């Protein structure tokens, strides 16, 4: 196999490497639990789009660097967006935006760019969930074709604890992946999902020992990527086409609900203070 690697342009917040016909994309903000800043949203979108257009790539694997898969959207940026919306609603002069809004909702250009690239990715997309996945760190898995998860990992949909709405079409996709009642429990209760529960529900294919997770995912991706690319793309399109209209409807509805809830007074404080000490992956998203 030929192996190549190159860091992303944005201070290595995203790493990419290629083994044979498999592209590995690694979220690389370990001190922030791989939370998505605006820059990381855009870097991940660019990496997916580049892999989509490269005929030498037959499959992509997503993973995180360090102890966490991803803590979702950076909470500091989301709270700042809520403050700006509150100021606009109250008629006060809003604080200037930094141009890198990553609010985690459909009005955010970086968030949209990543979700567009993720939901339309035409080739097999696998996830190696190496640790905690919170918010988008969970909901993005519903857009992946195959998910392998570390036995030590766990997942959380924290939206009701934050006082906001689900995102990434999770209100539509999670019931399809997990079953209606399991998805309702995950989205309404904001309680942790263990790796075993993720597998049992169908959100993940299997749980792996932590030290074997990436190797097993890459091996499966290699097997898939060796198939004719045109056949892979056609097969994925046939599998996914039935969901596209539902995904678009859900994203639009979720975005409207998210913006409405995000404009409520004091929501920024609720976002930053929403979770207790047990939610280490989520609270780790504040910059060091």
C-alpha atoms as a PDB file:
ATOM      1  CA  UNK A   1       0.000   0.000   0.000  1.00  0.00           C
ATOM      2  CA  UNK A   2       1.058   3.560  -0.661  1.00  0.00           C
ATOM      3  CA  UNK A   3       0.761   5.834   2.348  1.00  0.00           C
ATOM      4  CA  UNK A   4       0.800   9.600   2.141  1.00  0.00           C
ATOM      5  CA  UNK A   5      -0.100  12.224   4.688  1.00  0.00           C
ATOM      6  CA  UNK A   6      -0.536  15.963   4.744  1.00  0.00           C
ATOM      7  CA  UNK A   7      -1.884  18.309   7.396  1.00  0.00           C
ATOM      8  CA  UNK A   8      -4.788  20.573   6.616  1.00  0.00           C
ATOM      9  CA  UNK A   9      -3.955  24.199   5.998  1.00  0.00           C
ATOM     10  CA  UNK A  10      -5.645  25.515   9.138  1.00  0.00           C
ATOM     11  CA  UNK A  11      -2.886  24.975  11.736  1.00  0.00           C
ATOM     12  CA  UNK A  12      -3.359  21.230  11.599  1.00  0.00           C
ATOM     13  CA  UNK A  13      -6.799  21.339  13.235  1.00  0.00           C
ATOM     14  CA  UNK A  14      -7.602  18.615  10.703  1.00  0.00           C
ATOM     15  CA  UNK A  15      -5.215  15.881   9.562  1.00  0.00           C
ATOM     16  CA  UNK A  16      -5.547  13.815   6.413  1.00  0.00           C
ATOM     17  CA  UNK A  17      -3.642  10.753   5.258  1.00  0.00           C
ATOM     18  CA  UNK A  18      -4.079   8.210   2.506  1.00  0.00           C
ATOM     19  CA  UNK A  19      -3.446   4.471   2.689  1.00  0.00           C
ATOM     20  CA  UNK A  20      -4.035   2.765  -0.625  1.00  0.00           C
ATOM     21  CA  UNK A  21      -7.462   3.964  -1.743  1.00  0.00           C
ATOM     22  CA  UNK A  22      -8.637   4.994   1.741  1.00  0.00           C
ATOM     23  CA  UNK A  23      -8.523   8.591   2.943  1.00  0.00           C
ATOM     24  CA  UNK A  24      -8.349   9.042   6.725  1.00  0.00           C
ATOM     25  CA  UNK A  25      -9.667  12.377   8.051  1.00  0.00           C
ATOM     26  CA  UNK A  26      -8.802  13.098  11.677  1.00  0.00           C
ATOM     27  CA  UNK A  27     -10.312  15.887  13.774  1.00  0.00           C
ATOM     28  CA  UNK A  28      -7.326  17.395  15.544  1.00  0.00           C
ATOM     29  CA  UNK A  29      -8.351  19.704  18.375  1.00  0.00           C
ATOM     30  CA  UNK A  30      -7.698  17.253  21.223  1.00  0.00           C
ATOM     31  CA  UNK A  31      -7.378  19.959  23.910  1.00  0.00           C
ATOM     32  CA  UNK A  32     -10.922  21.070  22.989  1.00  0.00           C
ATOM     33  CA  UNK A  33     -12.231  17.484  22.728  1.00  0.00           C
ATOM     34  CA  UNK A  34     -12.220  17.944  18.926  1.00  0.00           C
ATOM     35  CA  UNK A  35     -15.050  20.469  19.144  1.00  0.00           C
ATOM     36  CA  UNK A  36     -15.962  22.097  15.843  1.00  0.00           C
ATOM     37  CA  UNK A  37     -14.890  25.700  15.517  1.00  0.00           C
ATOM     38  CA  UNK A  38     -15.844  27.570  12.366  1.00  0.00           C
ATOM     39  CA  UNK A  39     -12.378  26.843  10.997  1.00  0.00           C
ATOM     40  CA  UNK A  40     -12.722  23.126  11.645  1.00  0.00           C
ATOM     41  CA  UNK A  41     -16.148  23.018   9.990  1.00  0.00           C
ATOM     42  CA  UNK A  42     -14.673  24.573   6.862  1.00  0.00           C
ATOM     43  CA  UNK A  43     -11.538  22.415   6.905  1.00  0.00           C
ATOM     44  CA  UNK A  44     -13.585  19.226   7.281  1.00  0.00           C
ATOM     45  CA  UNK A  45     -15.922  20.292   4.489  1.00  0.00           C
ATOM     46  CA  UNK A  46     -12.961  20.980   2.218  1.00  0.00           C
ATOM     47  CA  UNK A  47     -11.388  17.606   3.048  1.00  0.00           C
ATOM     48  CA  UNK A  48     -14.611  15.742   2.251  1.00  0.00           C
ATOM     49  CA  UNK A  49     -15.114  17.636  -0.997  1.00  0.00           C
ATOM     50  CA  UNK A  50     -11.531  16.958  -2.051  1.00  0.00           C
ATOM     51  CA  UNK A  51     -11.894  13.242  -1.325  1.00  0.00           C
ATOM     52  CA  UNK A  52     -15.186  13.169  -3.220  1.00  0.00           C
ATOM     53  CA  UNK A  53     -13.538  14.525  -6.361  1.00  0.00           C
ATOM     54  CA  UNK A  54     -10.403  12.344  -6.201  1.00  0.00           C
ATOM     55  CA  UNK A  55     -10.830   9.210  -8.292  1.00  0.00           C
ATOM     56  CA  UNK A  56      -7.916   7.596  -6.442  1.00  0.00           C
ATOM     57  CA  UNK A  57     -10.014   7.533  -3.241  1.00  0.00           C
ATOM     58  CA  UNK A  58     -12.564   4.755  -2.841  1.00  0.00           C
ATOM     59  CA  UNK A  59     -13.602   5.275   0.795  1.00  0.00           C
ATOM     60  CA  UNK A  60     -13.126   7.730   3.654  1.00  0.00           C
ATOM     61  CA  UNK A  61     -12.734   7.137   7.388  1.00  0.00           C
ATOM     62  CA  UNK A  62     -13.528   9.856   9.945  1.00  0.00           C
ATOM     63  CA  UNK A  63     -12.014   9.762  13.434  1.00  0.00           C
ATOM     64  CA  UNK A  64     -10.775  12.014  16.217  1.00  0.00           C
ATOM     65  CA  UNK A  65      -7.350  12.542  17.748  1.00  0.00           C
ATOM     66  CA  UNK A  66      -6.944  11.884  21.458  1.00  0.00           C
ATOM     67  CA  UNK A  67      -9.515  10.732  23.997  1.00  0.00           C
ATOM     68  CA  UNK A  68     -12.600  12.166  22.268  1.00  0.00           C
ATOM     69  CA  UNK A  69     -14.278  11.722  18.914  1.00  0.00           C
ATOM     70  CA  UNK A  70     -15.904  15.161  18.963  1.00  0.00           C
ATOM     71  CA  UNK A  71     -17.632  17.382  21.515  1.00  0.00           C
ATOM     72  CA  UNK A  72     -19.741  18.909  18.741  1.00  0.00           C
ATOM     73  CA  UNK A  73     -19.939  22.643  18.138  1.00  0.00           C
ATOM     74  CA  UNK A  74     -17.596  24.872  20.134  1.00  0.00           C
ATOM     75  CA  UNK A  75     -19.820  26.199  22.910  1.00  0.00           C
ATOM     76  CA  UNK A  76     -18.076  29.539  23.241  1.00  0.00           C
ATOM     77  CA  UNK A  77     -18.831  30.337  19.609  1.00  0.00           C
ATOM     78  CA  UNK A  78     -22.422  29.122  19.962  1.00  0.00           C
ATOM     79  CA  UNK A  79     -22.992  31.250  23.085  1.00  0.00           C
ATOM     80  CA  UNK A  80     -21.526  34.275  21.308  1.00  0.00           C
ATOM     81  CA  UNK A  81     -23.970  33.741  18.439  1.00  0.00           C
ATOM     82  CA  UNK A  82     -26.840  33.564  20.940  1.00  0.00           C
ATOM     83  CA  UNK A  83     -25.694  36.861  22.488  1.00  0.00           C
ATOM     84  CA  UNK A  84     -25.654  38.542  19.082  1.00  0.00           C
ATOM     85  CA  UNK A  85     -29.147  37.260  18.302  1.00  0.00           C
ATOM     86  CA  UNK A  86     -30.438  38.461  21.690  1.00  0.00           C
ATOM     87  CA  UNK A  87     -28.953  41.904  21.063  1.00  0.00           C
ATOM     88  CA  UNK A  88     -30.589  42.110  17.659  1.00  0.00           C
ATOM     89  CA  UNK A  89     -33.946  41.001  19.096  1.00  0.00           C
ATOM     90  CA  UNK A  90     -33.812  43.546  21.920  1.00  0.00           C
ATOM     91  CA  UNK A  91     -32.781  46.355  19.617  1.00  0.00           C
ATOM     92  CA  UNK A  92     -29.412  46.796  21.305  1.00  0.00           C
ATOM     93  CA  UNK A  93     -26.275  47.212  19.242  1.00  0.00           C
ATOM     94  CA  UNK A  94     -24.907  43.667  18.822  1.00  0.00           C
ATOM     95  CA  UNK A  95     -21.308  42.836  19.499  1.00  0.00           C
ATOM     96  CA  UNK A  96     -19.413  42.508  16.210  1.00  0.00           C
ATOM     97  CA  UNK A  97     -19.227  38.987  14.837  1.00  0.00           C
ATOM     98  CA  UNK A  98     -15.795  37.598  14.153  1.00  0.00           C
ATOM     99  CA  UNK A  99     -16.834  36.296  10.755  1.00  0.00           C
ATOM    100  CA  UNK A 100     -16.336  32.712  11.866  1.00  0.00           C
ATOM    101  CA  UNK A 101     -19.713  31.898  13.348  1.00  0.00           C
ATOM    102  CA  UNK A 102     -20.002  28.190  14.087  1.00  0.00           C
ATOM    103  CA  UNK A 103     -23.318  28.296  15.895  1.00  0.00           C
ATOM    104  CA  UNK A 104     -24.188  24.717  15.016  1.00  0.00           C
ATOM    105  CA  UNK A 105     -27.414  25.610  13.243  1.00  0.00           C
ATOM    106  CA  UNK A 106     -28.539  25.942   9.674  1.00  0.00           C
ATOM    107  CA  UNK A 107     -27.957  29.695   9.520  1.00  0.00           C
ATOM    108  CA  UNK A 108     -24.250  29.206  10.104  1.00  0.00           C
ATOM    109  CA  UNK A 109     -22.246  29.183   6.889  1.00  0.00           C
ATOM    110  CA  UNK A 110     -19.426  26.950   8.255  1.00  0.00           C
ATOM    111  CA  UNK A 111     -21.920  24.499   9.781  1.00  0.00           C
ATOM    112  CA  UNK A 112     -23.898  24.393   6.543  1.00  0.00           C
ATOM    113  CA  UNK A 113     -20.757  23.842   4.495  1.00  0.00           C
ATOM    114  CA  UNK A 114     -19.811  20.815   6.572  1.00  0.00           C
ATOM    115  CA  UNK A 115     -23.330  19.346   6.633  1.00  0.00           C
ATOM    116  CA  UNK A 116     -23.679  19.811   2.876  1.00  0.00           C
ATOM    117  CA  UNK A 117     -20.384  17.992   2.270  1.00  0.00           C
ATOM    118  CA  UNK A 118     -21.247  15.255   4.769  1.00  0.00           C
ATOM    119  CA  UNK A 119     -24.802  14.563   3.642  1.00  0.00           C
ATOM    120  CA  UNK A 120     -23.943  14.596  -0.068  1.00  0.00           C
ATOM    121  CA  UNK A 121     -20.673  12.674   0.141  1.00  0.00           C
ATOM    122  CA  UNK A 122     -20.924  10.199  -2.764  1.00  0.00           C
ATOM    123  CA  UNK A 123     -18.465   7.516  -1.637  1.00  0.00           C
ATOM    124  CA  UNK A 124     -18.515   5.049   1.266  1.00  0.00           C
ATOM    125  CA  UNK A 125     -18.010   6.966   4.516  1.00  0.00           C
ATOM    126  CA  UNK A 126     -16.965   5.158   7.677  1.00  0.00           C
ATOM    127  CA  UNK A 127     -16.509   6.478  11.212  1.00  0.00           C
ATOM    128  CA  UNK A 128     -14.075   5.189  13.825  1.00  0.00           C
ATOM    129  CA  UNK A 129     -15.573   6.619  17.012  1.00  0.00           C
ATOM    130  CA  UNK A 130     -12.556   6.618  19.293  1.00  0.00           C
ATOM    131  CA  UNK A 131     -14.123   8.355  22.287  1.00  0.00           C
ATOM    132  CA  UNK A 132     -16.981  10.545  23.468  1.00  0.00           C
ATOM    133  CA  UNK A 133     -19.259  11.962  20.792  1.00  0.00           C
ATOM    134  CA  UNK A 134     -21.485  14.848  21.905  1.00  0.00           C
ATOM    135  CA  UNK A 135     -23.970  16.811  19.812  1.00  0.00           C
ATOM    136  CA  UNK A 136     -22.670  16.754  16.269  1.00  0.00           C
ATOM    137  CA  UNK A 137     -20.208  14.117  17.460  1.00  0.00           C
ATOM    138  CA  UNK A 138     -23.271  11.875  17.646  1.00  0.00           C
ATOM    139  CA  UNK A 139     -25.560  13.232  14.948  1.00  0.00           C
ATOM    140  CA  UNK A 140     -22.933  13.158  12.196  1.00  0.00           C
ATOM    141  CA  UNK A 141     -22.759   9.380  12.613  1.00  0.00           C
ATOM    142  CA  UNK A 142     -26.237   9.058  11.098  1.00  0.00           C
ATOM    143  CA  UNK A 143     -24.750  10.389   7.840  1.00  0.00           C
ATOM    144  CA  UNK A 144     -22.003   7.745   7.807  1.00  0.00           C
ATOM    145  CA  UNK A 145     -22.505   4.463   5.996  1.00  0.00           C
ATOM    146  CA  UNK A 146     -20.731   2.316   8.583  1.00  0.00           C
ATOM    147  CA  UNK A 147     -19.839   3.181  12.181  1.00  0.00           C
ATOM    148  CA  UNK A 148     -17.379   1.300  14.360  1.00  0.00           C
ATOM    149  CA  UNK A 149     -17.093   2.482  17.944  1.00  0.00           C
ATOM    150  CA  UNK A 150     -14.577   1.998  20.734  1.00  0.00           C
ATOM    151  CA  UNK A 151     -15.842  -0.120  23.604  1.00  0.00           C
ATOM    152  CA  UNK A 152     -14.983   2.801  25.894  1.00  0.00           C
ATOM    153  CA  UNK A 153     -16.803   5.445  23.857  1.00  0.00           C
ATOM    154  CA  UNK A 154     -20.178   6.923  24.634  1.00  0.00           C
ATOM    155  CA  UNK A 155     -22.509   9.329  22.859  1.00  0.00           C
ATOM    156  CA  UNK A 156     -24.768  12.187  23.945  1.00  0.00           C
ATOM    157  CA  UNK A 157     -27.474  14.285  22.276  1.00  0.00           C
ATOM    158  CA  UNK A 158     -27.430  17.258  24.692  1.00  0.00           C
ATOM    159  CA  UNK A 159     -29.928  19.502  22.914  1.00  0.00           C
ATOM    160  CA  UNK A 160     -32.754  19.558  25.476  1.00  0.00           C
ATOM    161  CA  UNK A 161     -30.223  20.062  28.281  1.00  0.00           C
ATOM    162  CA  UNK A 162     -28.939  23.075  26.339  1.00  0.00           C
ATOM    163  CA  UNK A 163     -32.404  24.409  25.631  1.00  0.00           C
ATOM    164  CA  UNK A 164     -31.967  24.165  21.856  1.00  0.00           C
ATOM    165  CA  UNK A 165     -33.235  21.941  19.047  1.00  0.00           C
ATOM    166  CA  UNK A 166     -31.633  18.915  17.376  1.00  0.00           C
ATOM    167  CA  UNK A 167     -29.468  19.498  14.304  1.00  0.00           C
ATOM    168  CA  UNK A 168     -27.918  17.758  11.302  1.00  0.00           C
ATOM    169  CA  UNK A 169     -31.287  16.173  10.378  1.00  0.00           C
ATOM    170  CA  UNK A 170     -31.024  14.035  13.512  1.00  0.00           C
ATOM    171  CA  UNK A 171     -34.758  14.398  14.197  1.00  0.00           C
ATOM    172  CA  UNK A 172     -35.278  12.474  10.951  1.00  0.00           C
ATOM    173  CA  UNK A 173     -32.240  10.221  10.703  1.00  0.00           C
ATOM    174  CA  UNK A 174     -31.868   8.957  14.273  1.00  0.00           C
ATOM    175  CA  UNK A 175     -35.340   7.319  14.329  1.00  0.00           C
ATOM    176  CA  UNK A 176     -34.388   5.597  11.061  1.00  0.00           C
ATOM    177  CA  UNK A 177     -31.051   4.414  12.458  1.00  0.00           C
ATOM    178  CA  UNK A 178     -31.991   3.605  16.061  1.00  0.00           C
ATOM    179  CA  UNK A 179     -35.753   3.042  16.000  1.00  0.00           C
ATOM    180  CA  UNK A 180     -38.347   5.608  17.036  1.00  0.00           C
ATOM    181  CA  UNK A 181     -38.343   5.026  20.790  1.00  0.00           C
ATOM    182  CA  UNK A 182     -34.568   4.741  21.226  1.00  0.00           C
ATOM    183  CA  UNK A 183     -34.113   7.914  19.190  1.00  0.00           C
ATOM    184  CA  UNK A 184     -36.800   9.716  21.175  1.00  0.00           C
ATOM    185  CA  UNK A 185     -35.093   8.738  24.422  1.00  0.00           C
ATOM    186  CA  UNK A 186     -31.714   9.900  23.133  1.00  0.00           C
ATOM    187  CA  UNK A 187     -33.031  13.248  21.884  1.00  0.00           C
ATOM    188  CA  UNK A 188     -35.448  14.011  24.725  1.00  0.00           C
ATOM    189  CA  UNK A 189     -33.570  12.775  27.783  1.00  0.00           C
ATOM    190  CA  UNK A 190     -30.060  14.040  26.941  1.00  0.00           C
ATOM    191  CA  UNK A 191     -28.608  10.946  28.596  1.00  0.00           C
ATOM    192  CA  UNK A 192     -25.445   9.100  27.631  1.00  0.00           C
ATOM    193  CA  UNK A 193     -25.563   6.195  25.167  1.00  0.00           C
ATOM    194  CA  UNK A 194     -22.959   3.496  25.741  1.00  0.00           C
ATOM    195  CA  UNK A 195     -21.061   1.814  22.934  1.00  0.00           C
ATOM    196  CA  UNK A 196     -23.016  -1.388  23.554  1.00  0.00           C
ATOM    197  CA  UNK A 197     -26.307   0.518  23.308  1.00  0.00           C
ATOM    198  CA  UNK A 198     -25.166   2.193  20.086  1.00  0.00           C
ATOM    199  CA  UNK A 199     -24.503  -1.227  18.555  1.00  0.00           C
ATOM    200  CA  UNK A 200     -27.713  -2.742  19.897  1.00  0.00           C
ATOM    201  CA  UNK A 201     -29.766   0.138  18.479  1.00  0.00           C
ATOM    202  CA  UNK A 202     -28.152  -0.077  15.042  1.00  0.00           C
ATOM    203  CA  UNK A 203     -26.394   3.282  15.192  1.00  0.00           C
ATOM    204  CA  UNK A 204     -23.037   1.460  15.143  1.00  0.00           C
ATOM    205  CA  UNK A 205     -22.070  -1.794  13.439  1.00  0.00           C
ATOM    206  CA  UNK A 206     -19.836  -3.103  16.201  1.00  0.00           C
ATOM    207  CA  UNK A 207     -17.768  -2.107  19.209  1.00  0.00           C
ATOM    208  CA  UNK A 208     -14.025  -2.691  19.115  1.00  0.00           C
ATOM    209  CA  UNK A 209     -11.259  -2.698  21.718  1.00  0.00           C
ATOM    210  CA  UNK A 210      -9.812   0.829  21.764  1.00  0.00           C
ATOM    211  CA  UNK A 211      -6.409  -0.259  20.512  1.00  0.00           C
ATOM    212  CA  UNK A 212      -7.957  -2.139  17.581  1.00  0.00           C
ATOM    213  CA  UNK A 213     -10.645   0.328  16.522  1.00  0.00           C
ATOM    214  CA  UNK A 214      -8.794   2.278  13.847  1.00  0.00           C
ATOM    215  CA  UNK A 215      -7.082  -0.786  12.383  1.00  0.00           C
ATOM    216  CA  UNK A 216     -10.403  -2.637  12.099  1.00  0.00           C
ATOM    217  CA  UNK A 217     -12.106   0.369  10.523  1.00  0.00           C
ATOM    218  CA  UNK A 218      -9.287   0.906   8.056  1.00  0.00           C
ATOM    219  CA  UNK A 219      -9.289  -2.791   7.140  1.00  0.00           C
ATOM    220  CA  UNK A 220     -13.005  -2.706   6.387  1.00  0.00           C
ATOM    221  CA  UNK A 221     -12.620   0.545   4.449  1.00  0.00           C
ATOM    222  CA  UNK A 222      -9.772  -1.014   2.434  1.00  0.00           C
ATOM    223  CA  UNK A 223     -11.946  -3.999   1.486  1.00  0.00           C
ATOM    224  CA  UNK A 224     -14.706  -1.669   0.348  1.00  0.00           C
ATOM    225  CA  UNK A 225     -12.406   0.762  -1.474  1.00  0.00           C
ATOM    226  CA  UNK A 226     -10.976  -2.052  -3.605  1.00  0.00           C
ATOM    227  CA  UNK A 227     -14.345  -2.487  -5.338  1.00  0.00           C
ATOM    228  CA  UNK A 228     -14.937  -0.589  -8.610  1.00  0.00           C
ATOM    229  CA  UNK A 229     -15.510   3.060  -7.768  1.00  0.00           C
ATOM    230  CA  UNK A 230     -18.440   3.534 -10.151  1.00  0.00           C
ATOM    231  CA  UNK A 231     -20.225   0.600  -8.528  1.00  0.00           C
ATOM    232  CA  UNK A 232     -19.575   1.953  -5.028  1.00  0.00           C
ATOM    233  CA  UNK A 233     -20.947   5.367  -5.939  1.00  0.00           C
ATOM    234  CA  UNK A 234     -24.011   3.916  -7.659  1.00  0.00           C
ATOM    235  CA  UNK A 235     -24.731   1.573  -4.750  1.00  0.00           C
ATOM    236  CA  UNK A 236     -24.433   4.327  -2.146  1.00  0.00           C
ATOM    237  CA  UNK A 237     -26.678   6.559  -4.227  1.00  0.00           C
ATOM    238  CA  UNK A 238     -29.333   3.843  -4.363  1.00  0.00           C
ATOM    239  CA  UNK A 239     -29.120   3.318  -0.600  1.00  0.00           C
ATOM    240  CA  UNK A 240     -29.251   7.012   0.271  1.00  0.00           C
ATOM    241  CA  UNK A 241     -31.542   8.565  -2.338  1.00  0.00           C
ATOM    242  CA  UNK A 242     -34.721   7.657  -0.457  1.00  0.00           C
ATOM    243  CA  UNK A 243     -33.556   9.787   2.485  1.00  0.00           C
ATOM    244  CA  UNK A 244     -32.470  12.948   0.691  1.00  0.00           C
ATOM    245  CA  UNK A 245     -35.803  14.755   0.679  1.00  0.00           C
ATOM    246  CA  UNK A 246     -36.375  13.887   4.337  1.00  0.00           C
ATOM    247  CA  UNK A 247     -32.921  15.143   5.269  1.00  0.00           C
ATOM    248  CA  UNK A 248     -33.510  18.472   3.549  1.00  0.00           C
ATOM    249  CA  UNK A 249     -36.917  18.931   5.184  1.00  0.00           C
ATOM    250  CA  UNK A 250     -35.515  18.067   8.610  1.00  0.00           C
ATOM    251  CA  UNK A 251     -32.533  20.401   8.234  1.00  0.00           C
ATOM    252  CA  UNK A 252     -34.809  23.290   7.303  1.00  0.00           C
ATOM    253  CA  UNK A 253     -37.230  22.642  10.171  1.00  0.00           C
ATOM    254  CA  UNK A 254     -34.428  22.101  12.695  1.00  0.00           C
ATOM    255  CA  UNK A 255     -32.713  25.286  11.594  1.00  0.00           C
ATOM    256  CA  UNK A 256     -35.876  27.314  12.113  1.00  0.00           C
ATOM    257  CA  UNK A 257     -36.459  25.798  15.557  1.00  0.00           C
ATOM    258  CA  UNK A 258     -32.806  26.240  16.512  1.00  0.00           C
ATOM    259  CA  UNK A 259     -32.782  29.927  15.573  1.00  0.00           C
ATOM    260  CA  UNK A 260     -36.017  30.568  17.444  1.00  0.00           C
ATOM    261  CA  UNK A 261     -34.723  28.891  20.603  1.00  0.00           C
ATOM    262  CA  UNK A 262     -31.277  30.461  20.305  1.00  0.00           C
ATOM    263  CA  UNK A 263     -32.814  33.947  20.376  1.00  0.00           C
ATOM    264  CA  UNK A 264     -34.306  33.511  23.856  1.00  0.00           C
ATOM    265  CA  UNK A 265     -32.908  35.689  26.665  1.00  0.00           C
ATOM    266  CA  UNK A 266     -30.073  34.138  28.698  1.00  0.00           C
ATOM    267  CA  UNK A 267     -29.768  31.157  26.351  1.00  0.00           C
ATOM    268  CA  UNK A 268     -26.024  31.803  26.054  1.00  0.00           C
ATOM    269  CA  UNK A 269     -25.573  31.261  29.789  1.00  0.00           C
ATOM    270  CA  UNK A 270     -27.683  28.113  29.556  1.00  0.00           C
ATOM    271  CA  UNK A 271     -25.512  26.786  26.750  1.00  0.00           C
ATOM    272  CA  UNK A 272     -22.247  27.339  28.622  1.00  0.00           C
ATOM    273  CA  UNK A 273     -23.580  26.055  31.946  1.00  0.00           C
ATOM    274  CA  UNK A 274     -25.935  23.343  30.769  1.00  0.00           C
ATOM    275  CA  UNK A 275     -24.102  20.201  31.799  1.00  0.00           C
ATOM    276  CA  UNK A 276     -22.664  18.825  34.996  1.00  0.00           C
ATOM    277  CA  UNK A 277     -19.187  17.412  35.655  1.00  0.00           C
ATOM    278  CA  UNK A 278     -20.106  14.042  34.178  1.00  0.00           C
ATOM    279  CA  UNK A 279     -20.249  15.603  30.704  1.00  0.00           C
ATOM    280  CA  UNK A 280     -16.514  15.999  30.307  1.00  0.00           C
ATOM    281  CA  UNK A 281     -16.464  15.871  26.516  1.00  0.00           C
ATOM    282  CA  UNK A 282     -18.997  18.630  26.167  1.00  0.00           C
ATOM    283  CA  UNK A 283     -17.485  21.017  28.694  1.00  0.00           C
ATOM    284  CA  UNK A 284     -14.051  20.457  27.198  1.00  0.00           C
ATOM    285  CA  UNK A 285     -15.042  22.373  24.077  1.00  0.00           C
ATOM    286  CA  UNK A 286     -14.181  25.731  25.625  1.00  0.00           C
ATOM    287  CA  UNK A 287     -10.779  26.930  24.430  1.00  0.00           C
ATOM    288  CA  UNK A 288      -7.849  26.189  26.672  1.00  0.00           C
END
